[in-house]
Amino acid sequence: MDKFYQQTLIKLEDEIRELEIETDCSVQRIEAVIKLIIKTLSDIKEHILKIGFKNNVEEIHFFKHQKPVIVAKLIYYYAIYKIETKKPNGTKAVKNISMKN
């Protein structure tokens, strides 16, 4: 399970880096990353259902240490997505206010 997890995590991080380079629009990029992370979690779930864990220690290690790494990425990109989608699209320039004594 550790080998599969490490390969999956490396592949996910590489694909995220590629998406960050290729996509210009930040909202579209973030949506693509979120979909990629969800697909990765789904693939891991299918692998676990097919193969299973060797013992309880491996299962506890996965749910306590390995899975949270990927879920944290999902939470992070979802938070950025919420910020980006609520950002105003105004055309007026913001005035630079300087403090003068």
PDB file of N, CA and C in Angstrom:
ATOM      1  N   MET A   1       0.822  -1.194   0.000  1.00  0.00           N
ATOM      2  CA  MET A   1       0.000   0.000   0.000  1.00  0.00           C
ATOM      3  C   MET A   1       0.862   1.253   0.000  1.00  0.00           C
ATOM      4  N   ASP A   2       1.977   1.235   0.742  1.00  0.00           N
ATOM      5  CA  ASP A   2       2.840   2.415   0.797  1.00  0.00           C
ATOM      6  C   ASP A   2       3.383   2.787  -0.574  1.00  0.00           C
ATOM      7  N   LYS A   3       3.798   1.787  -1.342  1.00  0.00           N
ATOM      8  CA  LYS A   3       4.351   2.046  -2.677  1.00  0.00           C
ATOM      9  C   LYS A   3       3.289   2.653  -3.590  1.00  0.00           C
ATOM     10  N   PHE A   4       2.082   2.094  -3.582  1.00  0.00           N
ATOM     11  CA  PHE A   4       0.982   2.622  -4.397  1.00  0.00           C
ATOM     12  C   PHE A   4       0.664   4.050  -3.982  1.00  0.00           C
ATOM     13  N   TYR A   5       0.615   4.299  -2.683  1.00  0.00           N
ATOM     14  CA  TYR A   5       0.302   5.637  -2.177  1.00  0.00           C
ATOM     15  C   TYR A   5       1.362   6.643  -2.611  1.00  0.00           C
ATOM     16  N   GLN A   6       2.629   6.296  -2.461  1.00  0.00           N
ATOM     17  CA  GLN A   6       3.714   7.208  -2.828  1.00  0.00           C
ATOM     18  C   GLN A   6       3.677   7.519  -4.328  1.00  0.00           C
ATOM     19  N   GLN A   7       3.461   6.500  -5.150  1.00  0.00           N
ATOM     20  CA  GLN A   7       3.370   6.721  -6.599  1.00  0.00           C
ATOM     21  C   GLN A   7       2.191   7.621  -6.936  1.00  0.00           C
ATOM     22  N   THR A   8       1.065   7.392  -6.288  1.00  0.00           N
ATOM     23  CA  THR A   8      -0.133   8.186  -6.540  1.00  0.00           C
ATOM     24  C   THR A   8       0.078   9.632  -6.113  1.00  0.00           C
ATOM     25  N   LEU A   9       0.691   9.843  -4.972  1.00  0.00           N
ATOM     26  CA  LEU A   9       0.940  11.195  -4.468  1.00  0.00           C
ATOM     27  C   LEU A   9       1.901  11.945  -5.382  1.00  0.00           C
ATOM     28  N   ILE A  10       2.954  11.294  -5.826  1.00  0.00           N
ATOM     29  CA  ILE A  10       3.913  11.930  -6.738  1.00  0.00           C
ATOM     30  C   ILE A  10       3.228  12.286  -8.054  1.00  0.00           C
ATOM     31  N   LYS A  11       2.427  11.372  -8.573  1.00  0.00           N
ATOM     32  CA  LYS A  11       1.698  11.629  -9.822  1.00  0.00           C
ATOM     33  C   LYS A  11       0.749  12.804  -9.652  1.00  0.00           C
ATOM     34  N   LEU A  12       0.039  12.865  -8.532  1.00  0.00           N
ATOM     35  CA  LEU A  12      -0.897  13.958  -8.266  1.00  0.00           C
ATOM     36  C   LEU A  12      -0.159  15.294  -8.212  1.00  0.00           C
ATOM     37  N   GLU A  13       0.939  15.357  -7.492  1.00  0.00           N
ATOM     38  CA  GLU A  13       1.698  16.600  -7.374  1.00  0.00           C
ATOM     39  C   GLU A  13       2.261  17.044  -8.717  1.00  0.00           C
ATOM     40  N   ASP A  14       2.714  16.101  -9.539  1.00  0.00           N
ATOM     41  CA  ASP A  14       3.206  16.438 -10.877  1.00  0.00           C
ATOM     42  C   ASP A  14       2.090  17.000 -11.747  1.00  0.00           C
ATOM     43  N   GLU A  15       0.924  16.382 -11.704  1.00  0.00           N
ATOM     44  CA  GLU A  15      -0.201  16.854 -12.511  1.00  0.00           C
ATOM     45  C   GLU A  15      -0.687  18.219 -12.039  1.00  0.00           C
ATOM     46  N   ILE A  16      -0.648  18.469 -10.746  1.00  0.00           N
ATOM     47  CA  ILE A  16      -1.018  19.793 -10.231  1.00  0.00           C
ATOM     48  C   ILE A  16      -0.037  20.843 -10.737  1.00  0.00           C
ATOM     49  N   ARG A  17       1.259  20.543 -10.705  1.00  0.00           N
ATOM     50  CA  ARG A  17       2.261  21.479 -11.219  1.00  0.00           C
ATOM     51  C   ARG A  17       2.040  21.766 -12.697  1.00  0.00           C
ATOM     52  N   GLU A  18       1.725  20.743 -13.482  1.00  0.00           N
ATOM     53  CA  GLU A  18       1.457  20.934 -14.910  1.00  0.00           C
ATOM     54  C   GLU A  18       0.259  21.836 -15.126  1.00  0.00           C
ATOM     55  N   LEU A  19      -0.801  21.618 -14.366  1.00  0.00           N
ATOM     56  CA  LEU A  19      -1.995  22.445 -14.496  1.00  0.00           C
ATOM     57  C   LEU A  19      -1.712  23.899 -14.124  1.00  0.00           C
ATOM     58  N   GLU A  20      -0.883  24.109 -13.121  1.00  0.00           N
ATOM     59  CA  GLU A  20      -0.556  25.468 -12.715  1.00  0.00           C
ATOM     60  C   GLU A  20       0.253  26.187 -13.781  1.00  0.00           C
ATOM     61  N   ILE A  21       1.029  25.464 -14.549  1.00  0.00           N
ATOM     62  CA  ILE A  21       1.824  26.066 -15.615  1.00  0.00           C
ATOM     63  C   ILE A  21       0.957  26.327 -16.851  1.00  0.00           C
ATOM     64  N   GLU A  22       0.124  25.376 -17.218  1.00  0.00           N
ATOM     65  CA  GLU A  22      -0.623  25.437 -18.470  1.00  0.00           C
ATOM     66  C   GLU A  22      -1.808  26.396 -18.440  1.00  0.00           C
ATOM     67  N   THR A  23      -2.595  26.393 -17.398  1.00  0.00           N
ATOM     68  CA  THR A  23      -3.852  27.117 -17.374  1.00  0.00           C
ATOM     69  C   THR A  23      -3.636  28.555 -16.918  1.00  0.00           C
ATOM     70  N   ASP A  24      -4.203  29.495 -17.696  1.00  0.00           N
ATOM     71  CA  ASP A  24      -4.067  30.913 -17.376  1.00  0.00           C
ATOM     72  C   ASP A  24      -5.077  31.358 -16.324  1.00  0.00           C
ATOM     73  N   CYS A  25      -6.324  31.044 -16.537  1.00  0.00           N
ATOM     74  CA  CYS A  25      -7.390  31.500 -15.645  1.00  0.00           C
ATOM     75  C   CYS A  25      -7.319  30.736 -14.323  1.00  0.00           C
ATOM     76  N   SER A  26      -7.229  31.471 -13.247  1.00  0.00           N
ATOM     77  CA  SER A  26      -7.038  30.811 -11.958  1.00  0.00           C
ATOM     78  C   SER A  26      -8.253  29.988 -11.536  1.00  0.00           C
ATOM     79  N   VAL A  27      -9.469  30.450 -11.831  1.00  0.00           N
ATOM     80  CA  VAL A  27     -10.662  29.703 -11.425  1.00  0.00           C
ATOM     81  C   VAL A  27     -10.741  28.379 -12.183  1.00  0.00           C
ATOM     82  N   GLN A  28     -10.458  28.404 -13.474  1.00  0.00           N
ATOM     83  CA  GLN A  28     -10.486  27.165 -14.261  1.00  0.00           C
ATOM     84  C   GLN A  28      -9.404  26.202 -13.790  1.00  0.00           C
ATOM     85  N   ARG A  29      -8.250  26.731 -13.474  1.00  0.00           N
ATOM     86  CA  ARG A  29      -7.144  25.902 -12.985  1.00  0.00           C
ATOM     87  C   ARG A  29      -7.505  25.245 -11.664  1.00  0.00           C
ATOM     88  N   ILE A  30      -8.076  26.020 -10.766  1.00  0.00           N
ATOM     89  CA  ILE A  30      -8.441  25.488  -9.458  1.00  0.00           C
ATOM     90  C   ILE A  30      -9.525  24.428  -9.593  1.00  0.00           C
ATOM     91  N   GLU A  31     -10.502  24.656 -10.472  1.00  0.00           N
ATOM     92  CA  GLU A  31     -11.536  23.644 -10.712  1.00  0.00           C
ATOM     93  C   GLU A  31     -10.917  22.351 -11.219  1.00  0.00           C
ATOM     94  N   ALA A  32      -9.970  22.465 -12.133  1.00  0.00           N
ATOM     95  CA  ALA A  32      -9.308  21.281 -12.684  1.00  0.00           C
ATOM     96  C   ALA A  32      -8.516  20.553 -11.606  1.00  0.00           C
ATOM     97  N   VAL A  33      -7.850  21.287 -10.734  1.00  0.00           N
ATOM     98  CA  VAL A  33      -7.074  20.668  -9.655  1.00  0.00           C
ATOM     99  C   VAL A  33      -8.009  19.953  -8.684  1.00  0.00           C
ATOM    100  N   ILE A  34      -9.126  20.580  -8.344  1.00  0.00           N
ATOM    101  CA  ILE A  34     -10.092  19.956  -7.435  1.00  0.00           C
ATOM    102  C   ILE A  34     -10.619  18.655  -8.029  1.00  0.00           C
ATOM    103  N   LYS A  35     -10.963  18.673  -9.303  1.00  0.00           N
ATOM    104  CA  LYS A  35     -11.442  17.458  -9.967  1.00  0.00           C
ATOM    105  C   LYS A  35     -10.359  16.371  -9.962  1.00  0.00           C
ATOM    106  N   LEU A  36      -9.129  16.778 -10.177  1.00  0.00           N
ATOM    107  CA  LEU A  36      -8.009  15.834 -10.180  1.00  0.00           C
ATOM    108  C   LEU A  36      -7.818  15.196  -8.802  1.00  0.00           C
ATOM    109  N   ILE A  37      -7.911  15.987  -7.764  1.00  0.00           N
ATOM    110  CA  ILE A  37      -7.748  15.461  -6.403  1.00  0.00           C
ATOM    111  C   ILE A  37      -8.885  14.501  -6.060  1.00  0.00           C
ATOM    112  N   ILE A  38     -10.106  14.863  -6.434  1.00  0.00           N
ATOM    113  CA  ILE A  38     -11.248  13.985  -6.171  1.00  0.00           C
ATOM    114  C   ILE A  38     -11.090  12.672  -6.923  1.00  0.00           C
ATOM    115  N   LYS A  39     -10.615  12.739  -8.166  1.00  0.00           N
ATOM    116  CA  LYS A  39     -10.380  11.509  -8.945  1.00  0.00           C
ATOM    117  C   LYS A  39      -9.297  10.660  -8.284  1.00  0.00           C
ATOM    118  N   THR A  40      -8.257  11.291  -7.793  1.00  0.00           N
ATOM    119  CA  THR A  40      -7.181  10.560  -7.120  1.00  0.00           C
ATOM    120  C   THR A  40      -7.703   9.862  -5.873  1.00  0.00           C
ATOM    121  N   LEU A  41      -8.506  10.553  -5.076  1.00  0.00           N
ATOM    122  CA  LEU A  41      -9.097   9.929  -3.884  1.00  0.00           C
ATOM    123  C   LEU A  41      -9.987   8.755  -4.268  1.00  0.00           C
ATOM    124  N   SER A  42     -10.715   8.903  -5.363  1.00  0.00           N
ATOM    125  CA  SER A  42     -11.566   7.823  -5.842  1.00  0.00           C
ATOM    126  C   SER A  42     -10.729   6.612  -6.281  1.00  0.00           C
ATOM    127  N   ASP A  43      -9.623   6.877  -6.971  1.00  0.00           N
ATOM    128  CA  ASP A  43      -8.732   5.793  -7.403  1.00  0.00           C
ATOM    129  C   ASP A  43      -8.131   5.059  -6.210  1.00  0.00           C
ATOM    130  N   ILE A  44      -7.746   5.811  -5.196  1.00  0.00           N
ATOM    131  CA  ILE A  44      -7.193   5.190  -3.988  1.00  0.00           C
ATOM    132  C   ILE A  44      -8.251   4.334  -3.305  1.00  0.00           C
ATOM    133  N   LYS A  45      -9.473   4.836  -3.261  1.00  0.00           N
ATOM    134  CA  LYS A  45     -10.569   4.076  -2.641  1.00  0.00           C
ATOM    135  C   LYS A  45     -10.797   2.762  -3.383  1.00  0.00           C
ATOM    136  N   GLU A  46     -10.809   2.815  -4.723  1.00  0.00           N
ATOM    137  CA  GLU A  46     -10.992   1.599  -5.518  1.00  0.00           C
ATOM    138  C   GLU A  46      -9.859   0.603  -5.258  1.00  0.00           C
ATOM    139  N   HIS A  47      -8.641   1.112  -5.173  1.00  0.00           N
ATOM    140  CA  HIS A  47      -7.484   0.241  -4.915  1.00  0.00           C
ATOM    141  C   HIS A  47      -7.615  -0.428  -3.545  1.00  0.00           C
ATOM    142  N   ILE A  48      -8.030   0.346  -2.561  1.00  0.00           N
ATOM    143  CA  ILE A  48      -8.179  -0.207  -1.211  1.00  0.00           C
ATOM    144  C   ILE A  48      -9.289  -1.251  -1.178  1.00  0.00           C
ATOM    145  N   LEU A  49     -10.399  -0.977  -1.853  1.00  0.00           N
ATOM    146  CA  LEU A  49     -11.497  -1.945  -1.864  1.00  0.00           C
ATOM    147  C   LEU A  49     -11.096  -3.234  -2.568  1.00  0.00           C
ATOM    148  N   LYS A  50     -10.239  -3.106  -3.589  1.00  0.00           N
ATOM    149  CA  LYS A  50      -9.804  -4.286  -4.340  1.00  0.00           C
ATOM    150  C   LYS A  50      -8.735  -5.080  -3.583  1.00  0.00           C
ATOM    151  N   ILE A  51      -7.732  -4.380  -3.087  1.00  0.00           N
ATOM    152  CA  ILE A  51      -6.582  -5.031  -2.459  1.00  0.00           C
ATOM    153  C   ILE A  51      -6.763  -5.193  -0.952  1.00  0.00           C
ATOM    154  N   GLY A  52      -7.240  -4.160  -0.305  1.00  0.00           N
ATOM    155  CA  GLY A  52      -7.399  -4.190   1.148  1.00  0.00           C
ATOM    156  C   GLY A  52      -6.099  -3.851   1.864  1.00  0.00           C
ATOM    157  N   PHE A  53      -6.132  -3.910   3.171  1.00  0.00           N
ATOM    158  CA  PHE A  53      -4.954  -3.645   3.992  1.00  0.00           C
ATOM    159  C   PHE A  53      -4.395  -4.958   4.505  1.00  0.00           C
ATOM    160  N   LYS A  54      -3.084  -4.964   4.766  1.00  0.00           N
ATOM    161  CA  LYS A  54      -2.442  -6.170   5.295  1.00  0.00           C
ATOM    162  C   LYS A  54      -2.873  -6.442   6.725  1.00  0.00           C
ATOM    163  N   ASN A  55      -2.958  -5.363   7.510  1.00  0.00           N
ATOM    164  CA  ASN A  55      -3.319  -5.500   8.920  1.00  0.00           C
ATOM    165  C   ASN A  55      -3.899  -4.181   9.436  1.00  0.00           C
ATOM    166  N   ASN A  56      -4.271  -4.170  10.693  1.00  0.00           N
ATOM    167  CA  ASN A  56      -4.871  -2.971  11.281  1.00  0.00           C
ATOM    168  C   ASN A  56      -3.888  -1.812  11.371  1.00  0.00           C
ATOM    169  N   VAL A  57      -2.630  -2.115  11.577  1.00  0.00           N
ATOM    170  CA  VAL A  57      -1.612  -1.066  11.695  1.00  0.00           C
ATOM    171  C   VAL A  57      -1.493  -0.296  10.378  1.00  0.00           C
ATOM    172  N   GLU A  58      -1.474  -1.032   9.259  1.00  0.00           N
ATOM    173  CA  GLU A  58      -1.392  -0.388   7.947  1.00  0.00           C
ATOM    174  C   GLU A  58      -2.638   0.462   7.690  1.00  0.00           C
ATOM    175  N   GLU A  59      -3.791  -0.019   8.074  1.00  0.00           N
ATOM    176  CA  GLU A  59      -5.038   0.712   7.886  1.00  0.00           C
ATOM    177  C   GLU A  59      -5.043   2.002   8.714  1.00  0.00           C
ATOM    178  N   ILE A  60      -4.640   1.897   9.958  1.00  0.00           N
ATOM    179  CA  ILE A  60      -4.590   3.073  10.829  1.00  0.00           C
ATOM    180  C   ILE A  60      -3.592   4.086  10.286  1.00  0.00           C
ATOM    181  N   HIS A  61      -2.433   3.614   9.841  1.00  0.00           N
ATOM    182  CA  HIS A  61      -1.414   4.506   9.280  1.00  0.00           C
ATOM    183  C   HIS A  61      -1.962   5.244   8.057  1.00  0.00           C
ATOM    184  N   PHE A  62      -2.674   4.537   7.206  1.00  0.00           N
ATOM    185  CA  PHE A  62      -3.225   5.166   6.007  1.00  0.00           C
ATOM    186  C   PHE A  62      -4.212   6.264   6.371  1.00  0.00           C
ATOM    187  N   PHE A  63      -5.183   5.954   7.226  1.00  0.00           N
ATOM    188  CA  PHE A  63      -6.229   6.928   7.535  1.00  0.00           C
ATOM    189  C   PHE A  63      -5.751   8.049   8.456  1.00  0.00           C
ATOM    190  N   LYS A  64      -4.690   7.805   9.201  1.00  0.00           N
ATOM    191  CA  LYS A  64      -4.203   8.815  10.129  1.00  0.00           C
ATOM    192  C   LYS A  64      -3.121   9.707   9.510  1.00  0.00           C
ATOM    193  N   HIS A  65      -2.316   9.163   8.590  1.00  0.00           N
ATOM    194  CA  HIS A  65      -1.180   9.924   8.082  1.00  0.00           C
ATOM    195  C   HIS A  65      -1.202  10.155   6.568  1.00  0.00           C
ATOM    196  N   GLN A  66      -1.599   9.165   5.789  1.00  0.00           N
ATOM    197  CA  GLN A  66      -1.470   9.283   4.343  1.00  0.00           C
ATOM    198  C   GLN A  66      -2.661   9.980   3.695  1.00  0.00           C
ATOM    199  N   LYS A  67      -3.855   9.533   3.975  1.00  0.00           N
ATOM    200  CA  LYS A  67      -5.037  10.130   3.360  1.00  0.00           C
ATOM    201  C   LYS A  67      -5.184  11.610   3.704  1.00  0.00           C
ATOM    202  N   PRO A  68      -4.912  12.036   4.940  1.00  0.00           N
ATOM    203  CA  PRO A  68      -5.049  13.460   5.254  1.00  0.00           C
ATOM    204  C   PRO A  68      -4.166  14.376   4.405  1.00  0.00           C
ATOM    205  N   VAL A  69      -3.058  13.882   3.890  1.00  0.00           N
ATOM    206  CA  VAL A  69      -2.197  14.700   3.034  1.00  0.00           C
ATOM    207  C   VAL A  69      -2.953  15.101   1.767  1.00  0.00           C
ATOM    208  N   ILE A  70      -3.643  14.157   1.169  1.00  0.00           N
ATOM    209  CA  ILE A  70      -4.389  14.430  -0.063  1.00  0.00           C
ATOM    210  C   ILE A  70      -5.650  15.238   0.241  1.00  0.00           C
ATOM    211  N   VAL A  71      -6.339  14.909   1.311  1.00  0.00           N
ATOM    212  CA  VAL A  71      -7.552  15.644   1.682  1.00  0.00           C
ATOM    213  C   VAL A  71      -7.200  17.096   2.019  1.00  0.00           C
ATOM    214  N   ALA A  72      -6.040  17.332   2.622  1.00  0.00           N
ATOM    215  CA  ALA A  72      -5.605  18.696   2.933  1.00  0.00           C
ATOM    216  C   ALA A  72      -5.429  19.512   1.655  1.00  0.00           C
ATOM    217  N   LYS A  73      -4.911  18.879   0.611  1.00  0.00           N
ATOM    218  CA  LYS A  73      -4.781  19.570  -0.676  1.00  0.00           C
ATOM    219  C   LYS A  73      -6.155  19.952  -1.216  1.00  0.00           C
ATOM    220  N   LEU A  74      -7.127  19.059  -1.073  1.00  0.00           N
ATOM    221  CA  LEU A  74      -8.487  19.335  -1.522  1.00  0.00           C
ATOM    222  C   LEU A  74      -9.079  20.512  -0.749  1.00  0.00           C
ATOM    223  N   ILE A  75      -8.919  20.522   0.546  1.00  0.00           N
ATOM    224  CA  ILE A  75      -9.435  21.608   1.376  1.00  0.00           C
ATOM    225  C   ILE A  75      -8.763  22.928   0.999  1.00  0.00           C
ATOM    226  N   TYR A  76      -7.463  22.897   0.778  1.00  0.00           N
ATOM    227  CA  TYR A  76      -6.709  24.095   0.406  1.00  0.00           C
ATOM    228  C   TYR A  76      -7.211  24.680  -0.912  1.00  0.00           C
ATOM    229  N   TYR A  77      -7.294  23.848  -1.942  1.00  0.00           N
ATOM    230  CA  TYR A  77      -7.724  24.354  -3.249  1.00  0.00           C
ATOM    231  C   TYR A  77      -9.196  24.760  -3.237  1.00  0.00           C
ATOM    232  N   TYR A  78     -10.022  24.097  -2.435  1.00  0.00           N
ATOM    233  CA  TYR A  78     -11.420  24.493  -2.337  1.00  0.00           C
ATOM    234  C   TYR A  78     -11.535  25.856  -1.665  1.00  0.00           C
ATOM    235  N   ALA A  79     -10.722  26.124  -0.664  1.00  0.00           N
ATOM    236  CA  ALA A  79     -10.732  27.433  -0.005  1.00  0.00           C
ATOM    237  C   ALA A  79     -10.301  28.526  -0.980  1.00  0.00           C
ATOM    238  N   ILE A  80      -9.270  28.255  -1.769  1.00  0.00           N
ATOM    239  CA  ILE A  80      -8.827  29.221  -2.777  1.00  0.00           C
ATOM    240  C   ILE A  80      -9.934  29.439  -3.814  1.00  0.00           C
ATOM    241  N   TYR A  81     -10.606  28.375  -4.208  1.00  0.00           N
ATOM    242  CA  TYR A  81     -11.704  28.472  -5.171  1.00  0.00           C
ATOM    243  C   TYR A  81     -12.807  29.390  -4.646  1.00  0.00           C
ATOM    244  N   LYS A  82     -13.176  29.215  -3.386  1.00  0.00           N
ATOM    245  CA  LYS A  82     -14.213  30.062  -2.797  1.00  0.00           C
ATOM    246  C   LYS A  82     -13.782  31.522  -2.773  1.00  0.00           C
ATOM    247  N   ILE A  83     -12.525  31.781  -2.462  1.00  0.00           N
ATOM    248  CA  ILE A  83     -12.023  33.159  -2.447  1.00  0.00           C
ATOM    249  C   ILE A  83     -12.051  33.755  -3.847  1.00  0.00           C
ATOM    250  N   GLU A  84     -11.561  33.001  -4.828  1.00  0.00           N
ATOM    251  CA  GLU A  84     -11.496  33.500  -6.204  1.00  0.00           C
ATOM    252  C   GLU A  84     -12.878  33.743  -6.804  1.00  0.00           C
ATOM    253  N   THR A  85     -13.837  32.902  -6.491  1.00  0.00           N
ATOM    254  CA  THR A  85     -15.159  33.074  -7.087  1.00  0.00           C
ATOM    255  C   THR A  85     -15.953  34.194  -6.427  1.00  0.00           C
ATOM    256  N   LYS A  86     -15.594  34.579  -5.216  1.00  0.00           N
ATOM    257  CA  LYS A  86     -16.291  35.678  -4.541  1.00  0.00           C
ATOM    258  C   LYS A  86     -15.599  37.014  -4.738  1.00  0.00           C
ATOM    259  N   LYS A  87     -14.491  37.012  -5.438  1.00  0.00           N
ATOM    260  CA  LYS A  87     -13.729  38.228  -5.683  1.00  0.00           C
ATOM    261  C   LYS A  87     -14.492  39.104  -6.685  1.00  0.00           C
ATOM    262  N   PRO A  88     -14.625  40.409  -6.415  1.00  0.00           N
ATOM    263  CA  PRO A  88     -15.345  41.269  -7.353  1.00  0.00           C
ATOM    264  C   PRO A  88     -14.568  41.459  -8.649  1.00  0.00           C
ATOM    265  N   ASN A  89     -15.299  41.630  -9.737  1.00  0.00           N
ATOM    266  CA  ASN A  89     -14.680  41.837 -11.047  1.00  0.00           C
ATOM    267  C   ASN A  89     -14.871  43.285 -11.485  1.00  0.00           C
ATOM    268  N   GLY A  90     -14.534  44.214 -10.655  1.00  0.00           N
ATOM    269  CA  GLY A  90     -14.711  45.635 -10.960  1.00  0.00           C
ATOM    270  C   GLY A  90     -13.714  46.114 -11.990  1.00  0.00           C
ATOM    271  N   THR A  91     -14.066  47.197 -12.682  1.00  0.00           N
ATOM    272  CA  THR A  91     -13.173  47.751 -13.685  1.00  0.00           C
ATOM    273  C   THR A  91     -12.458  48.992 -13.181  1.00  0.00           C
ATOM    274  N   LYS A  92     -12.913  49.558 -12.076  1.00  0.00           N
ATOM    275  CA  LYS A  92     -12.275  50.749 -11.538  1.00  0.00           C
ATOM    276  C   LYS A  92     -10.963  50.375 -10.861  1.00  0.00           C
ATOM    277  N   ALA A  93      -9.978  51.217 -11.044  1.00  0.00           N
ATOM    278  CA  ALA A  93      -8.693  50.990 -10.396  1.00  0.00           C
ATOM    279  C   ALA A  93      -8.796  51.372  -8.922  1.00  0.00           C
ATOM    280  N   VAL A  94      -8.123  50.664  -8.101  1.00  0.00           N
ATOM    281  CA  VAL A  94      -8.101  50.953  -6.677  1.00  0.00           C
ATOM    282  C   VAL A  94      -7.132  52.092  -6.436  1.00  0.00           C
ATOM    283  N   LYS A  95      -7.577  53.109  -5.711  1.00  0.00           N
ATOM    284  CA  LYS A  95      -6.714  54.263  -5.436  1.00  0.00           C
ATOM    285  C   LYS A  95      -5.682  53.900  -4.393  1.00  0.00           C
ATOM    286  N   ASN A  96      -4.492  54.402  -4.610  1.00  0.00           N
ATOM    287  CA  ASN A  96      -3.419  54.171  -3.654  1.00  0.00           C
ATOM    288  C   ASN A  96      -3.481  55.285  -2.618  1.00  0.00           C
ATOM    289  N   ILE A  97      -3.768  54.908  -1.393  1.00  0.00           N
ATOM    290  CA  ILE A  97      -3.903  55.888  -0.314  1.00  0.00           C
ATOM    291  C   ILE A  97      -2.608  55.878   0.473  1.00  0.00           C
ATOM    292  N   SER A  98      -1.989  57.032   0.533  1.00  0.00           N
ATOM    293  CA  SER A  98      -0.755  57.120   1.303  1.00  0.00           C
ATOM    294  C   SER A  98      -0.977  58.037   2.494  1.00  0.00           C
ATOM    295  N   MET A  99      -0.308  57.726   3.567  1.00  0.00           N
ATOM    296  CA  MET A  99      -0.428  58.509   4.777  1.00  0.00           C
ATOM    297  C   MET A  99       0.586  59.635   4.729  1.00  0.00           C
ATOM    298  N   LYS A 100       0.097  60.878   4.790  1.00  0.00           N
ATOM    299  CA  LYS A 100       1.004  62.029   4.793  1.00  0.00           C
ATOM    300  C   LYS A 100       0.831  62.779   6.101  1.00  0.00           C
ATOM    301  N   ASN A 101       1.941  63.175   6.679  1.00  0.00           N
ATOM    302  CA  ASN A 101       1.885  63.918   7.939  1.00  0.00           C
ATOM    303  C   ASN A 101       1.887  65.361   7.688  1.00  0.00           C
TER     304      ASN A 101
END
